[in-house]
Each structure stands twice: as C-alpha cells, then as structure tokens.
Amino acid sequence: RTANHLSDTASDDLALFLDIDLAILAAEEAEYDEYSENIRLEYFHVPLSKYTSGRSAVLSRFLEHERLYFSNDFSLLEDRARRNLSREISKLQHLSQQFDIGTPKTSQ
C-alpha cells in the first residue's frame, strides 16, 4: 500500500484517497491483466525468478489485510480485487514453476 497505507481506520478523505490509489486492483479481469503485464514491463530489469517471488509476496501481503478498501464506495469492490490478486499470484506461481533461472523447462 502507499507508504504503509493504513492499518484498519482512516479519515473519510484519506480513506477515499487510498481507495482510489488501489482501485485498479478491482478492475475487470482484462484491464487488471493489462495492468499486471505493465507492472512486469516496468520491472523488466529484474530477473524473472526474483520478480515472481517479490511480486507474489507483495500481493500476498495485500490479501492478509482484513480490508483492502476503507470507504463505503469502494468496499463493494473488495471481492473482485481479492479475486484479481489471487489470480495473479497463481499466474506468478505457475510462471516460476515453468522457468528455472530463466531457462524454460521442457514438457515430457
């Protein structure tokens, strides 16, 4: 979350600001996938194995929070955001299993 975001409470204005910052997490599936692909491009200089483990850890920390969104307007998007995060973590885990230090494993 943005510089520690929040534990569980926030003023109305701060809650809305932070929720807007995390709004992409609750995007429609195709839009979220494009966002996550763009994140990978931003970190293309990071080796795939480090990227997948680091990104998975960040996303997992989001899922550990009781709430992702704090304002009433965004709380309705909580389930979709959690599905997107879980789906991306699964993709990252699959990717890390398919590649061993950047070398594709062959199927038998």
C-alpha atoms as a PDB file:
ATOM      1  CA  ARG A   1       0.000   0.000   0.000  1.00  0.00           C
ATOM      2  CA  THR A   2       1.106   3.570  -0.493  1.00  0.00           C
ATOM      3  CA  ALA A   3       3.777   4.166   2.146  1.00  0.00           C
ATOM      4  CA  ASN A   4       2.174   1.946   4.761  1.00  0.00           C
ATOM      5  CA  HIS A   5      -1.357   2.979   3.814  1.00  0.00           C
ATOM      6  CA  LEU A   6      -3.450   2.136   6.849  1.00  0.00           C
ATOM      7  CA  SER A   7      -3.956  -0.476   9.441  1.00  0.00           C
ATOM      8  CA  ASP A   8      -7.744  -0.503   9.754  1.00  0.00           C
ATOM      9  CA  THR A   9      -9.001   3.061  10.126  1.00  0.00           C
ATOM     10  CA  ALA A  10      -8.724   6.332   8.226  1.00  0.00           C
ATOM     11  CA  SER A  11     -10.391   9.696   7.926  1.00  0.00           C
ATOM     12  CA  ASP A  12     -13.001   9.825   5.169  1.00  0.00           C
ATOM     13  CA  ASP A  13     -10.760  11.866   2.841  1.00  0.00           C
ATOM     14  CA  LEU A  14      -7.709   9.693   3.441  1.00  0.00           C
ATOM     15  CA  ALA A  15      -9.750   6.514   3.030  1.00  0.00           C
ATOM     16  CA  LEU A  16     -11.094   7.713  -0.313  1.00  0.00           C
ATOM     17  CA  PHE A  17      -7.620   8.791  -1.490  1.00  0.00           C
ATOM     18  CA  LEU A  18      -6.108   5.416  -0.614  1.00  0.00           C
ATOM     19  CA  ASP A  19      -9.017   3.527  -2.159  1.00  0.00           C
ATOM     20  CA  ILE A  20      -8.602   5.448  -5.406  1.00  0.00           C
ATOM     21  CA  ASP A  21      -4.911   4.521  -5.343  1.00  0.00           C
ATOM     22  CA  LEU A  22      -5.862   0.832  -5.120  1.00  0.00           C
ATOM     23  CA  ALA A  23      -8.867   0.992  -7.457  1.00  0.00           C
ATOM     24  CA  ILE A  24      -7.008  -0.881 -10.220  1.00  0.00           C
ATOM     25  CA  LEU A  25      -6.976  -3.992  -8.055  1.00  0.00           C
ATOM     26  CA  ALA A  26     -10.732  -4.273  -8.598  1.00  0.00           C
ATOM     27  CA  ALA A  27     -10.660  -3.655 -12.342  1.00  0.00           C
ATOM     28  CA  GLU A  28     -12.354  -6.008 -14.758  1.00  0.00           C
ATOM     29  CA  GLU A  29     -10.215  -9.072 -15.428  1.00  0.00           C
ATOM     30  CA  ALA A  30      -8.835  -7.955 -18.811  1.00  0.00           C
ATOM     31  CA  GLU A  31      -7.949  -4.486 -17.532  1.00  0.00           C
ATOM     32  CA  TYR A  32      -6.275  -5.925 -14.423  1.00  0.00           C
ATOM     33  CA  ASP A  33      -4.291  -8.360 -16.576  1.00  0.00           C
ATOM     34  CA  GLU A  34      -3.064  -5.478 -18.734  1.00  0.00           C
ATOM     35  CA  TYR A  35      -2.101  -3.576 -15.566  1.00  0.00           C
ATOM     36  CA  SER A  36      -0.140  -6.543 -14.195  1.00  0.00           C
ATOM     37  CA  GLU A  37       1.620  -7.003 -17.562  1.00  0.00           C
ATOM     38  CA  ASN A  38       2.607  -3.322 -17.457  1.00  0.00           C
ATOM     39  CA  ILE A  39       3.980  -3.774 -13.937  1.00  0.00           C
ATOM     40  CA  ARG A  40       6.184  -6.591 -15.268  1.00  0.00           C
ATOM     41  CA  LEU A  41       7.393  -4.326 -18.092  1.00  0.00           C
ATOM     42  CA  GLU A  42       8.236  -1.645 -15.539  1.00  0.00           C
ATOM     43  CA  TYR A  43      10.372  -4.200 -13.679  1.00  0.00           C
ATOM     44  CA  PHE A  44      11.732  -5.966 -16.751  1.00  0.00           C
ATOM     45  CA  HIS A  45      15.289  -5.368 -15.498  1.00  0.00           C
ATOM     46  CA  VAL A  46      14.523  -7.685 -12.559  1.00  0.00           C
ATOM     47  CA  PRO A  47      15.206 -11.373 -13.287  1.00  0.00           C
ATOM     48  CA  LEU A  48      12.007 -13.381 -13.699  1.00  0.00           C
ATOM     49  CA  SER A  49      12.624 -15.596 -10.661  1.00  0.00           C
ATOM     50  CA  LYS A  50      13.126 -12.567  -8.390  1.00  0.00           C
ATOM     51  CA  TYR A  51      10.187 -10.731  -9.931  1.00  0.00           C
ATOM     52  CA  THR A  52       7.749 -13.613  -9.476  1.00  0.00           C
ATOM     53  CA  SER A  53       8.741 -14.198  -5.856  1.00  0.00           C
ATOM     54  CA  GLY A  54       8.798 -10.492  -4.983  1.00  0.00           C
ATOM     55  CA  ARG A  55       5.540  -9.630  -6.715  1.00  0.00           C
ATOM     56  CA  SER A  56       3.826 -12.667  -5.176  1.00  0.00           C
ATOM     57  CA  ALA A  57       4.985 -11.577  -1.730  1.00  0.00           C
ATOM     58  CA  VAL A  58       3.640  -8.042  -2.232  1.00  0.00           C
ATOM     59  CA  LEU A  59       0.278  -9.283  -3.471  1.00  0.00           C
ATOM     60  CA  SER A  60       0.046 -11.847  -0.675  1.00  0.00           C
ATOM     61  CA  ARG A  61       0.551  -9.092   1.890  1.00  0.00           C
ATOM     62  CA  PHE A  62      -2.464  -7.284   0.437  1.00  0.00           C
ATOM     63  CA  LEU A  63      -4.551 -10.423   0.879  1.00  0.00           C
ATOM     64  CA  GLU A  64      -3.502 -10.693   4.525  1.00  0.00           C
ATOM     65  CA  HIS A  65      -5.333  -7.450   5.338  1.00  0.00           C
ATOM     66  CA  GLU A  66      -8.863  -7.768   6.625  1.00  0.00           C
ATOM     67  CA  ARG A  67      -9.913  -4.977   4.260  1.00  0.00           C
ATOM     68  CA  LEU A  68      -8.331  -3.648   1.075  1.00  0.00           C
ATOM     69  CA  TYR A  69     -10.707  -0.696   0.811  1.00  0.00           C
ATOM     70  CA  PHE A  70     -11.815   1.630   3.588  1.00  0.00           C
ATOM     71  CA  SER A  71     -14.509   3.851   2.094  1.00  0.00           C
ATOM     72  CA  ASN A  72     -18.064   2.628   1.655  1.00  0.00           C
ATOM     73  CA  ASP A  73     -17.904   3.450  -2.057  1.00  0.00           C
ATOM     74  CA  PHE A  74     -15.069   1.011  -2.656  1.00  0.00           C
ATOM     75  CA  SER A  75     -15.959  -1.720  -0.171  1.00  0.00           C
ATOM     76  CA  LEU A  76     -18.270  -3.268  -2.773  1.00  0.00           C
ATOM     77  CA  LEU A  77     -15.204  -3.947  -4.953  1.00  0.00           C
ATOM     78  CA  GLU A  78     -13.381  -5.958  -2.288  1.00  0.00           C
ATOM     79  CA  ASP A  79     -14.280  -9.412  -3.647  1.00  0.00           C
ATOM     80  CA  ARG A  80     -13.244  -8.625  -7.225  1.00  0.00           C
ATOM     81  CA  ALA A  81      -9.949  -7.133  -6.033  1.00  0.00           C
ATOM     82  CA  ARG A  82      -9.200 -10.235  -3.974  1.00  0.00           C
ATOM     83  CA  ARG A  83     -10.005 -12.472  -6.960  1.00  0.00           C
ATOM     84  CA  ASN A  84      -7.637 -10.449  -9.177  1.00  0.00           C
ATOM     85  CA  LEU A  85      -4.846 -10.624  -6.616  1.00  0.00           C
ATOM     86  CA  SER A  86      -5.309 -14.358  -6.098  1.00  0.00           C
ATOM     87  CA  ARG A  87      -5.407 -14.961  -9.840  1.00  0.00           C
ATOM     88  CA  GLU A  88      -2.201 -13.014 -10.412  1.00  0.00           C
ATOM     89  CA  ILE A  89      -0.455 -14.884  -7.590  1.00  0.00           C
ATOM     90  CA  SER A  90      -1.476 -18.180  -9.222  1.00  0.00           C
ATOM     91  CA  LYS A  91      -0.126 -17.000 -12.576  1.00  0.00           C
ATOM     92  CA  LEU A  92       3.147 -15.943 -10.965  1.00  0.00           C
ATOM     93  CA  GLN A  93       3.485 -19.285  -9.191  1.00  0.00           C
ATOM     94  CA  HIS A  94       2.812 -21.110 -12.456  1.00  0.00           C
ATOM     95  CA  LEU A  95       5.400 -18.946 -14.222  1.00  0.00           C
ATOM     96  CA  SER A  96       8.024 -19.618 -11.574  1.00  0.00           C
ATOM     97  CA  GLN A  97       7.398 -23.367 -11.874  1.00  0.00           C
ATOM     98  CA  GLN A  98       7.790 -23.217 -15.658  1.00  0.00           C
ATOM     99  CA  PHE A  99      11.135 -21.444 -15.548  1.00  0.00           C
ATOM    100  CA  ASP A 100      14.270 -22.363 -13.693  1.00  0.00           C
ATOM    101  CA  ILE A 101      16.613 -19.339 -13.564  1.00  0.00           C
ATOM    102  CA  GLY A 102      15.258 -18.082 -16.866  1.00  0.00           C
ATOM    103  CA  THR A 103      15.531 -21.416 -18.699  1.00  0.00           C
ATOM    104  CA  PRO A 104      12.244 -22.975 -19.811  1.00  0.00           C
ATOM    105  CA  LYS A 105      11.590 -26.496 -18.603  1.00  0.00           C
ATOM    106  CA  THR A 106      10.674 -28.909 -21.335  1.00  0.00           C
ATOM    107  CA  SER A 107       7.413 -30.842 -21.231  1.00  0.00           C
ATOM    108  CA  GLN A 108       7.575 -34.595 -21.476  1.00  0.00           C
END
